[in-house]
């Protein structure tokens, strides 16, 4: 029987001693080997696990790159917000000073107007001598002239700050350029 099996091998041209038995028999042993399909499944499982590990490594790398990008964006955001808050503090301080100055000038003008009004009322009251009326009229003239002078001085002193404010970018321009 062994002799007929060997003759069958020779008839198909596989008499080389270097070929494995499974190849020599045309894969016949492989077809009937129950471990062949198990090893194939095991090999595929290992290949899938290897691919899964590679995908996990790629995901970890992408998460790391995203974290780095987020950190750069966050740092840029904090720097930009810091600059904006500094600019806002400077502008707020400047506006507060300007409003205080305007308020002080307004109080001075109101005081001059009150004094001119009192002088006018005193000048028009009965029983006042002509000389006293003349002095009240001169006081009213001086006070109203002072109001005009104060207005011109105020306009000149406010011209510089208004020029500075007009050169500052508007909020919409600031948002669009940064």
N, C-alpha and C. Protein backbone atom coordinates (compact mmCIF):
# COMPACT_ATOMS: atom_id res chain seq x y z
N UNK A 1 0.80 -1.16 0.00
CA UNK A 1 0.00 0.00 0.00
C UNK A 1 0.86 1.25 0.00
N UNK A 2 1.90 1.24 0.77
CA UNK A 2 2.82 2.36 0.78
C UNK A 2 3.43 2.53 -0.60
N UNK A 3 3.64 1.41 -1.26
CA UNK A 3 4.23 1.45 -2.58
C UNK A 3 3.29 2.13 -3.56
N UNK A 4 2.00 1.86 -3.49
CA UNK A 4 1.06 2.50 -4.40
C UNK A 4 0.93 3.98 -4.10
N UNK A 5 1.02 4.39 -2.80
CA UNK A 5 0.95 5.80 -2.45
C UNK A 5 2.15 6.54 -2.99
N UNK A 6 3.31 5.90 -2.89
CA UNK A 6 4.52 6.53 -3.42
C UNK A 6 4.44 6.62 -4.93
N UNK A 7 3.88 5.65 -5.57
CA UNK A 7 3.77 5.69 -7.01
C UNK A 7 2.82 6.80 -7.41
N UNK A 8 1.79 7.04 -6.58
CA UNK A 8 0.86 8.12 -6.87
C UNK A 8 1.55 9.47 -6.78
N UNK A 9 2.49 9.56 -5.86
CA UNK A 9 3.23 10.80 -5.72
C UNK A 9 4.13 11.00 -6.93
N UNK A 10 4.75 9.94 -7.39
CA UNK A 10 5.65 10.06 -8.53
C UNK A 10 4.88 10.37 -9.80
N UNK A 11 3.66 9.84 -9.91
CA UNK A 11 2.91 10.06 -11.13
C UNK A 11 2.47 11.52 -11.26
N UNK A 12 2.30 12.22 -10.14
CA UNK A 12 1.91 13.63 -10.26
C UNK A 12 3.14 14.52 -10.33
N UNK A 13 4.32 13.97 -10.30
CA UNK A 13 5.54 14.74 -10.50
C UNK A 13 6.06 15.40 -9.26
N UNK A 14 5.75 14.89 -8.13
CA UNK A 14 6.19 15.51 -6.90
C UNK A 14 7.13 14.55 -6.17
N UNK A 15 8.16 14.15 -6.79
CA UNK A 15 9.07 13.21 -6.17
C UNK A 15 10.26 13.91 -5.53
N UNK A 16 10.23 15.19 -5.42
CA UNK A 16 11.34 15.92 -4.83
C UNK A 16 11.33 15.73 -3.33
N UNK A 17 12.44 15.57 -2.74
CA UNK A 17 12.54 15.35 -1.30
C UNK A 17 12.41 16.66 -0.53
N UNK A 18 12.50 17.79 -1.21
CA UNK A 18 12.45 19.09 -0.53
C UNK A 18 11.05 19.61 -0.32
N UNK A 19 10.06 19.05 -0.91
CA UNK A 19 8.69 19.53 -0.76
C UNK A 19 8.09 18.98 0.52
N UNK A 20 7.34 19.80 1.28
CA UNK A 20 6.68 19.27 2.46
C UNK A 20 5.60 18.28 2.06
N UNK A 21 5.23 17.46 3.01
CA UNK A 21 4.28 16.39 2.73
C UNK A 21 2.95 16.97 2.30
N UNK A 22 2.50 18.05 2.97
CA UNK A 22 1.19 18.61 2.63
C UNK A 22 1.18 19.14 1.21
N UNK A 23 2.28 19.69 0.74
CA UNK A 23 2.33 20.15 -0.65
C UNK A 23 2.49 18.98 -1.59
N UNK A 24 3.23 18.03 -1.11
CA UNK A 24 3.47 16.86 -1.95
C UNK A 24 2.20 16.11 -2.24
N UNK A 25 1.29 16.20 -1.36
CA UNK A 25 0.02 15.49 -1.57
C UNK A 25 -1.05 16.44 -2.10
N UNK A 26 -0.63 17.57 -2.62
CA UNK A 26 -1.57 18.50 -3.25
C UNK A 26 -2.48 19.19 -2.27
N UNK A 27 -2.02 19.40 -1.02
CA UNK A 27 -2.81 20.08 -0.02
C UNK A 27 -3.88 19.19 0.58
N UNK A 28 -3.79 17.88 0.32
CA UNK A 28 -4.79 16.96 0.83
C UNK A 28 -4.79 16.90 2.34
N UNK A 29 -3.61 16.91 2.95
CA UNK A 29 -3.54 16.88 4.40
C UNK A 29 -4.06 18.18 5.01
N UNK A 30 -3.82 19.29 4.32
CA UNK A 30 -4.27 20.59 4.83
C UNK A 30 -5.80 20.67 4.84
N UNK A 31 -6.42 20.07 3.85
CA UNK A 31 -7.87 20.10 3.77
C UNK A 31 -8.51 19.29 4.88
N UNK A 32 -7.87 18.25 5.31
CA UNK A 32 -8.44 17.41 6.33
C UNK A 32 -7.91 17.72 7.72
N UNK A 33 -7.05 18.70 7.84
CA UNK A 33 -6.45 19.05 9.13
C UNK A 33 -7.38 20.01 9.85
N UNK A 34 -7.97 19.65 10.99
CA UNK A 34 -8.88 20.54 11.72
C UNK A 34 -8.15 21.72 12.34
N UNK A 35 -6.87 21.62 12.58
CA UNK A 35 -6.12 22.74 13.16
C UNK A 35 -5.82 23.82 12.13
N UNK A 36 -5.92 23.51 10.87
CA UNK A 36 -5.65 24.50 9.82
C UNK A 36 -6.61 25.66 9.87
N UNK A 37 -7.90 25.38 10.00
CA UNK A 37 -8.88 26.46 10.06
C UNK A 37 -8.79 27.22 11.38
N UNK A 38 -8.43 26.51 12.46
CA UNK A 38 -8.25 27.20 13.74
C UNK A 38 -7.05 28.13 13.69
N UNK A 39 -5.98 27.65 13.07
CA UNK A 39 -4.80 28.52 12.98
C UNK A 39 -5.08 29.71 12.08
N UNK A 40 -5.88 29.50 11.03
CA UNK A 40 -6.26 30.61 10.16
C UNK A 40 -7.07 31.65 10.93
N UNK A 41 -8.03 31.18 11.74
CA UNK A 41 -8.84 32.08 12.56
C UNK A 41 -7.98 32.80 13.59
N UNK A 42 -7.05 32.06 14.19
CA UNK A 42 -6.15 32.67 15.18
C UNK A 42 -5.28 33.73 14.51
N UNK A 43 -4.75 33.44 13.34
CA UNK A 43 -3.93 34.41 12.61
C UNK A 43 -4.73 35.66 12.26
N UNK A 44 -5.98 35.47 11.83
CA UNK A 44 -6.82 36.63 11.51
C UNK A 44 -7.13 37.45 12.76
N UNK A 45 -7.40 36.76 13.86
CA UNK A 45 -7.66 37.45 15.11
C UNK A 45 -6.46 38.28 15.53
N UNK A 46 -5.28 37.69 15.41
CA UNK A 46 -4.07 38.44 15.74
C UNK A 46 -3.88 39.64 14.81
N UNK A 47 -4.17 39.45 13.54
CA UNK A 47 -4.05 40.55 12.58
C UNK A 47 -5.03 41.67 12.92
N UNK A 48 -6.27 41.29 13.29
CA UNK A 48 -7.26 42.30 13.67
C UNK A 48 -6.84 43.03 14.95
N UNK A 49 -6.29 42.30 15.89
CA UNK A 49 -5.83 42.94 17.13
C UNK A 49 -4.68 43.90 16.84
N UNK A 50 -3.78 43.48 15.96
CA UNK A 50 -2.66 44.36 15.59
C UNK A 50 -3.18 45.63 14.92
N UNK A 51 -4.14 45.45 14.02
CA UNK A 51 -4.73 46.62 13.35
C UNK A 51 -5.46 47.52 14.35
N UNK A 52 -6.16 46.92 15.32
CA UNK A 52 -6.85 47.68 16.36
C UNK A 52 -5.86 48.48 17.18
N UNK A 53 -4.73 47.86 17.52
CA UNK A 53 -3.71 48.57 18.29
C UNK A 53 -3.13 49.73 17.49
N UNK A 54 -2.94 49.52 16.19
CA UNK A 54 -2.44 50.59 15.34
C UNK A 54 -3.46 51.74 15.27
N UNK A 55 -4.74 51.39 15.15
CA UNK A 55 -5.77 52.42 15.13
C UNK A 55 -5.83 53.17 16.47
N UNK A 56 -5.68 52.44 17.57
CA UNK A 56 -5.64 53.08 18.89
C UNK A 56 -4.47 54.04 18.99
N UNK A 57 -3.32 53.63 18.45
CA UNK A 57 -2.14 54.51 18.47
C UNK A 57 -2.39 55.76 17.63
N UNK A 58 -3.03 55.60 16.46
CA UNK A 58 -3.35 56.76 15.62
C UNK A 58 -4.33 57.69 16.34
N UNK A 59 -5.34 57.09 16.99
CA UNK A 59 -6.31 57.90 17.74
C UNK A 59 -5.62 58.67 18.87
N UNK A 60 -4.71 58.00 19.57
CA UNK A 60 -3.99 58.68 20.65
C UNK A 60 -3.15 59.82 20.10
N UNK A 61 -2.53 59.60 18.94
CA UNK A 61 -1.73 60.65 18.32
C UNK A 61 -2.61 61.83 17.91
N UNK A 62 -3.78 61.53 17.33
CA UNK A 62 -4.70 62.60 16.92
C UNK A 62 -5.20 63.36 18.14
N UNK A 63 -5.53 62.65 19.23
CA UNK A 63 -5.95 63.32 20.46
C UNK A 63 -4.83 64.21 21.01
N UNK A 64 -3.60 63.72 20.94
CA UNK A 64 -2.46 64.50 21.42
C UNK A 64 -2.28 65.75 20.56
N UNK A 65 -2.38 65.60 19.24
CA UNK A 65 -2.26 66.76 18.35
C UNK A 65 -3.40 67.75 18.59
N UNK A 66 -4.60 67.23 18.82
CA UNK A 66 -5.73 68.11 19.10
C UNK A 66 -5.52 68.86 20.41
N UNK A 67 -4.97 68.17 21.41
CA UNK A 67 -4.70 68.83 22.70
C UNK A 67 -3.66 69.93 22.52
N UNK A 68 -2.62 69.66 21.72
CA UNK A 68 -1.60 70.68 21.46
C UNK A 68 -2.21 71.88 20.73
N UNK A 69 -3.04 71.60 19.72
CA UNK A 69 -3.69 72.69 18.99
C UNK A 69 -4.61 73.48 19.92
N UNK A 70 -5.34 72.77 20.76
CA UNK A 70 -6.23 73.44 21.72
C UNK A 70 -5.42 74.31 22.67
N UNK A 71 -4.29 73.81 23.13
CA UNK A 71 -3.44 74.60 24.03
C UNK A 71 -2.93 75.86 23.34
N UNK A 72 -2.53 75.72 22.05
CA UNK A 72 -2.06 76.90 21.31
C UNK A 72 -3.18 77.91 21.15
N UNK A 73 -4.37 77.42 20.80
CA UNK A 73 -5.52 78.32 20.63
C UNK A 73 -5.87 78.97 21.96
N UNK A 74 -5.87 78.19 23.03
CA UNK A 74 -6.19 78.71 24.36
C UNK A 74 -5.18 79.76 24.78
N UNK A 75 -3.90 79.49 24.53
CA UNK A 75 -2.85 80.45 24.89
C UNK A 75 -3.03 81.74 24.08
N UNK A 76 -3.28 81.60 22.79
CA UNK A 76 -3.50 82.77 21.95
C UNK A 76 -4.72 83.54 22.42
N UNK A 77 -5.78 82.81 22.77
CA UNK A 77 -7.00 83.45 23.26
C UNK A 77 -6.73 84.23 24.54
N UNK A 78 -5.99 83.59 25.49
CA UNK A 78 -5.71 84.28 26.76
C UNK A 78 -4.84 85.51 26.53
N UNK A 79 -3.85 85.41 25.63
CA UNK A 79 -3.00 86.57 25.35
C UNK A 79 -3.83 87.70 24.73
N UNK A 80 -4.68 87.33 23.77
CA UNK A 80 -5.49 88.34 23.10
C UNK A 80 -6.48 88.97 24.08
N UNK A 81 -7.10 88.17 24.92
CA UNK A 81 -8.02 88.70 25.91
C UNK A 81 -7.29 89.60 26.90
N UNK A 82 -6.06 89.22 27.29
CA UNK A 82 -5.28 90.06 28.19
C UNK A 82 -5.00 91.42 27.58
N UNK A 83 -4.62 91.41 26.29
CA UNK A 83 -4.35 92.68 25.61
C UNK A 83 -5.62 93.53 25.53
N UNK A 84 -6.74 92.88 25.21
CA UNK A 84 -8.01 93.62 25.14
C UNK A 84 -8.40 94.19 26.49
N UNK A 85 -8.22 93.41 27.55
CA UNK A 85 -8.56 93.90 28.89
C UNK A 85 -7.65 95.05 29.30
N UNK A 86 -6.37 94.99 28.92
CA UNK A 86 -5.46 96.10 29.21
C UNK A 86 -5.90 97.35 28.47
N UNK A 87 -6.21 97.19 27.17
CA UNK A 87 -6.67 98.34 26.39
C UNK A 87 -7.95 98.91 26.97
N UNK A 88 -8.84 98.02 27.39
CA UNK A 88 -10.10 98.49 27.97
C UNK A 88 -9.85 99.25 29.26
N UNK A 89 -8.93 98.76 30.10
CA UNK A 89 -8.63 99.45 31.35
C UNK A 89 -8.06 100.84 31.07
N UNK A 90 -7.19 100.94 30.08
CA UNK A 90 -6.62 102.25 29.73
C UNK A 90 -7.72 103.18 29.23
N UNK A 91 -8.57 102.66 28.34
CA UNK A 91 -9.65 103.50 27.79
C UNK A 91 -10.63 103.89 28.89
N UNK A 92 -10.98 102.93 29.77
CA UNK A 92 -11.89 103.25 30.87
C UNK A 92 -11.31 104.33 31.77
N UNK A 93 -10.04 104.22 32.07
CA UNK A 93 -9.38 105.23 32.90
C UNK A 93 -9.40 106.60 32.20
N UNK A 94 -9.11 106.57 30.91
CA UNK A 94 -9.09 107.79 30.13
C UNK A 94 -10.48 108.42 30.09
N UNK A 95 -11.50 107.60 29.85
CA UNK A 95 -12.87 108.11 29.79
C UNK A 95 -13.32 108.62 31.15
N UNK A 96 -12.95 107.92 32.22
CA UNK A 96 -13.31 108.38 33.56
C UNK A 96 -12.69 109.74 33.85
N UNK A 97 -11.42 109.92 33.48
CA UNK A 97 -10.75 111.21 33.67
C UNK A 97 -11.44 112.29 32.85
N UNK A 98 -11.77 111.94 31.62
CA UNK A 98 -12.43 112.90 30.74
C UNK A 98 -13.80 113.29 31.29
N UNK A 99 -14.56 112.31 31.77
CA UNK A 99 -15.88 112.61 32.35
C UNK A 99 -15.76 113.45 33.61
N UNK A 100 -14.76 113.19 34.42
CA UNK A 100 -14.55 113.99 35.63
C UNK A 100 -14.24 115.43 35.26
N UNK A 101 -13.37 115.59 34.24
CA UNK A 101 -13.03 116.94 33.80
C UNK A 101 -14.26 117.66 33.25
N UNK A 102 -15.05 116.94 32.45
CA UNK A 102 -16.27 117.55 31.92
C UNK A 102 -17.25 117.89 33.04
N UNK A 103 -17.36 117.01 34.02
CA UNK A 103 -18.24 117.28 35.16
C UNK A 103 -17.79 118.49 35.95
N UNK A 104 -16.48 118.60 36.17
CA UNK A 104 -15.94 119.76 36.89
C UNK A 104 -16.22 121.05 36.11
N UNK A 105 -16.01 121.02 34.80
CA UNK A 105 -16.26 122.21 33.99
C UNK A 105 -17.75 122.57 34.01
N UNK A 106 -18.59 121.55 33.99
CA UNK A 106 -20.03 121.81 34.03
C UNK A 106 -20.42 122.46 35.35
N UNK A 107 -19.85 122.00 36.43
CA UNK A 107 -20.14 122.59 37.75
C UNK A 107 -19.67 124.04 37.80
N UNK A 108 -18.47 124.30 37.23
CA UNK A 108 -17.95 125.67 37.21
C UNK A 108 -18.89 126.58 36.41
N UNK A 109 -19.35 126.10 35.27
CA UNK A 109 -20.25 126.90 34.44
C UNK A 109 -21.59 127.15 35.16
N UNK A 110 -22.10 126.10 35.78
CA UNK A 110 -23.36 126.29 36.53
C UNK A 110 -23.18 127.31 37.64
N UNK A 111 -22.03 127.27 38.30
CA UNK A 111 -21.77 128.23 39.38
C UNK A 111 -21.68 129.65 38.82
N UNK A 112 -20.99 129.82 37.68
CA UNK A 112 -20.93 131.15 37.06
C UNK A 112 -22.32 131.62 36.63
N UNK A 113 -23.11 130.71 36.06
CA UNK A 113 -24.48 131.09 35.67
C UNK A 113 -25.32 131.46 36.88
N UNK A 114 -25.17 130.73 37.98
CA UNK A 114 -25.92 131.05 39.20
C UNK A 114 -25.50 132.42 39.72
N UNK A 115 -24.19 132.69 39.69
CA UNK A 115 -23.71 134.01 40.17
C UNK A 115 -24.24 135.13 39.26
N UNK A 116 -24.23 134.90 37.92
CA UNK A 116 -24.74 135.92 36.99
C UNK A 116 -26.23 136.12 37.20
N UNK A 117 -26.95 135.05 37.45
CA UNK A 117 -28.38 135.14 37.70
C UNK A 117 -28.66 135.91 38.99
N UNK A 118 -27.87 135.60 40.03
CA UNK A 118 -28.06 136.33 41.29
C UNK A 118 -27.74 137.81 41.13
N UNK A 119 -26.67 138.11 40.37
CA UNK A 119 -26.29 139.52 40.15
C UNK A 119 -27.38 140.25 39.36
N UNK A 120 -27.95 139.54 38.36
CA UNK A 120 -29.03 140.14 37.56
C UNK A 120 -30.26 140.38 38.43
N UNK A 121 -30.60 139.42 39.25
CA UNK A 121 -31.77 139.57 40.14
C UNK A 121 -31.53 140.71 41.12
N UNK A 122 -30.32 140.80 41.64
CA UNK A 122 -30.01 141.87 42.58
C UNK A 122 -30.06 143.22 41.87
N UNK A 123 -29.56 143.28 40.63
CA UNK A 123 -29.55 144.52 39.86
C UNK A 123 -30.98 144.99 39.58
N UNK A 124 -31.92 144.09 39.38
CA UNK A 124 -33.30 144.45 39.05
C UNK A 124 -34.19 144.63 40.28
N UNK A 125 -33.66 144.36 41.44
CA UNK A 125 -34.48 144.51 42.65
C UNK A 125 -34.67 146.00 42.97
N UNK A 126 -35.84 146.35 43.56
CA UNK A 126 -36.10 147.76 43.86
C UNK A 126 -35.24 148.24 45.03
N UNK A 127 -35.00 149.50 45.06
CA UNK A 127 -34.28 150.14 46.16
C UNK A 127 -32.77 150.06 46.02
N UNK A 128 -32.25 149.76 44.85
CA UNK A 128 -30.81 149.66 44.64
C UNK A 128 -30.35 150.97 44.00
N UNK A 129 -29.21 151.45 44.46
CA UNK A 129 -28.68 152.69 43.90
C UNK A 129 -28.17 152.45 42.47
N UNK A 130 -28.05 153.56 41.75
CA UNK A 130 -27.59 153.49 40.36
C UNK A 130 -26.17 152.96 40.29
N UNK A 131 -25.38 153.34 41.22
CA UNK A 131 -23.99 152.87 41.27
C UNK A 131 -23.95 151.36 41.48
N UNK A 132 -24.79 150.86 42.36
CA UNK A 132 -24.82 149.43 42.65
C UNK A 132 -25.35 148.65 41.44
N UNK A 133 -26.33 149.24 40.75
CA UNK A 133 -26.83 148.60 39.54
C UNK A 133 -25.74 148.54 38.48
N UNK A 134 -24.96 149.59 38.37
CA UNK A 134 -23.87 149.64 37.40
C UNK A 134 -22.84 148.55 37.73
N UNK A 135 -22.52 148.37 39.00
CA UNK A 135 -21.56 147.33 39.41
C UNK A 135 -22.11 145.92 39.12
N UNK A 136 -23.40 145.73 39.37
CA UNK A 136 -24.01 144.42 39.09
C UNK A 136 -24.00 144.13 37.59
N UNK A 137 -24.27 145.16 36.79
CA UNK A 137 -24.25 144.98 35.33
C UNK A 137 -22.85 144.62 34.87
N UNK A 138 -21.84 145.28 35.40
CA UNK A 138 -20.45 144.96 35.04
C UNK A 138 -20.09 143.54 35.49
N UNK A 139 -20.58 143.12 36.65
CA UNK A 139 -20.32 141.77 37.15
C UNK A 139 -20.97 140.73 36.24
N UNK A 140 -22.21 141.01 35.83
CA UNK A 140 -22.90 140.08 34.92
C UNK A 140 -22.16 140.00 33.59
N UNK A 141 -21.69 141.12 33.08
CA UNK A 141 -20.94 141.15 31.82
C UNK A 141 -19.65 140.35 31.97
N UNK A 142 -18.96 140.56 33.07
CA UNK A 142 -17.71 139.84 33.31
C UNK A 142 -17.97 138.33 33.45
N UNK A 143 -19.02 137.97 34.17
CA UNK A 143 -19.32 136.55 34.37
C UNK A 143 -19.70 135.87 33.06
N UNK A 144 -20.53 136.53 32.24
CA UNK A 144 -20.90 135.93 30.96
C UNK A 144 -19.71 135.85 30.02
N UNK A 145 -18.81 136.83 30.08
CA UNK A 145 -17.59 136.77 29.28
C UNK A 145 -16.72 135.60 29.76
N UNK A 146 -16.70 135.41 31.07
CA UNK A 146 -15.92 134.30 31.65
C UNK A 146 -16.49 132.96 31.17
N UNK A 147 -17.82 132.89 31.06
CA UNK A 147 -18.44 131.66 30.54
C UNK A 147 -17.95 131.37 29.12
N UNK A 148 -17.91 132.37 28.31
CA UNK A 148 -17.44 132.19 26.92
C UNK A 148 -15.98 131.78 26.91
N UNK A 149 -15.17 132.42 27.74
CA UNK A 149 -13.75 132.08 27.83
C UNK A 149 -13.57 130.64 28.31
N UNK A 150 -14.35 130.28 29.33
CA UNK A 150 -14.27 128.90 29.84
C UNK A 150 -14.68 127.90 28.77
N UNK A 151 -15.69 128.23 27.99
CA UNK A 151 -16.13 127.34 26.92
C UNK A 151 -15.04 127.15 25.88
N UNK A 152 -14.38 128.26 25.49
CA UNK A 152 -13.29 128.16 24.51
C UNK A 152 -12.12 127.36 25.06
N UNK A 153 -11.76 127.62 26.33
CA UNK A 153 -10.67 126.87 26.95
C UNK A 153 -11.02 125.38 27.06
N UNK A 154 -12.27 125.12 27.43
CA UNK A 154 -12.72 123.72 27.53
C UNK A 154 -12.67 123.03 26.18
N UNK A 155 -13.09 123.74 25.14
CA UNK A 155 -13.04 123.15 23.79
C UNK A 155 -11.60 122.85 23.38
N UNK A 156 -10.69 123.78 23.71
CA UNK A 156 -9.28 123.55 23.37
C UNK A 156 -8.70 122.40 24.17
N UNK A 157 -9.02 122.33 25.45
CA UNK A 157 -8.46 121.26 26.28
C UNK A 157 -9.06 119.90 25.94
N UNK A 158 -10.29 119.89 25.43
CA UNK A 158 -10.92 118.63 25.04
C UNK A 158 -10.58 118.20 23.62
N UNK A 159 -10.00 119.12 22.84
CA UNK A 159 -9.67 118.79 21.45
C UNK A 159 -8.67 117.66 21.39
N UNK A 160 -7.64 117.68 22.23
CA UNK A 160 -6.63 116.62 22.25
C UNK A 160 -7.23 115.26 22.57
N UNK A 161 -7.97 115.14 23.67
CA UNK A 161 -8.58 113.83 23.96
C UNK A 161 -9.56 113.36 22.89
N UNK A 162 -10.31 114.29 22.30
CA UNK A 162 -11.23 113.89 21.24
C UNK A 162 -10.49 113.40 20.00
N UNK A 163 -9.35 114.03 19.69
CA UNK A 163 -8.54 113.56 18.57
C UNK A 163 -8.02 112.15 18.84
N UNK A 164 -7.58 111.92 20.08
CA UNK A 164 -7.08 110.59 20.45
C UNK A 164 -8.19 109.55 20.33
N UNK A 165 -9.38 109.90 20.82
CA UNK A 165 -10.49 108.96 20.73
C UNK A 165 -10.91 108.70 19.29
N UNK A 166 -10.83 109.72 18.45
CA UNK A 166 -11.23 109.50 17.05
C UNK A 166 -10.21 108.64 16.31
N UNK A 167 -8.95 108.62 16.76
CA UNK A 167 -7.93 107.78 16.12
C UNK A 167 -8.04 106.33 16.56
N UNK A 168 -8.66 106.09 17.69
CA UNK A 168 -8.81 104.72 18.18
C UNK A 168 -9.75 103.96 17.26
N UNK A 169 -9.47 102.66 17.09
CA UNK A 169 -10.30 101.83 16.23
C UNK A 169 -11.66 101.64 16.88
N UNK A 170 -12.67 101.58 16.03
CA UNK A 170 -13.99 101.27 16.57
C UNK A 170 -14.03 99.80 16.95
N UNK A 171 -14.93 99.39 17.83
CA UNK A 171 -14.99 97.99 18.26
C UNK A 171 -15.16 97.01 17.10
N UNK A 172 -15.96 97.35 16.09
CA UNK A 172 -16.16 96.44 14.97
C UNK A 172 -14.87 96.26 14.17
N UNK A 173 -14.10 97.35 13.97
CA UNK A 173 -12.83 97.24 13.27
C UNK A 173 -11.85 96.38 14.07
N UNK A 174 -11.83 96.53 15.38
CA UNK A 174 -10.92 95.77 16.22
C UNK A 174 -11.22 94.29 16.10
N UNK A 175 -12.48 93.92 16.13
CA UNK A 175 -12.84 92.50 16.04
C UNK A 175 -12.50 91.92 14.68
N UNK A 176 -12.66 92.72 13.62
CA UNK A 176 -12.40 92.20 12.29
C UNK A 176 -10.91 92.08 11.99
N UNK A 177 -10.08 92.95 12.54
CA UNK A 177 -8.65 92.92 12.22
C UNK A 177 -7.89 91.93 13.08
N UNK A 178 -8.39 91.59 14.23
CA UNK A 178 -7.65 90.66 15.10
C UNK A 178 -8.22 89.34 14.91
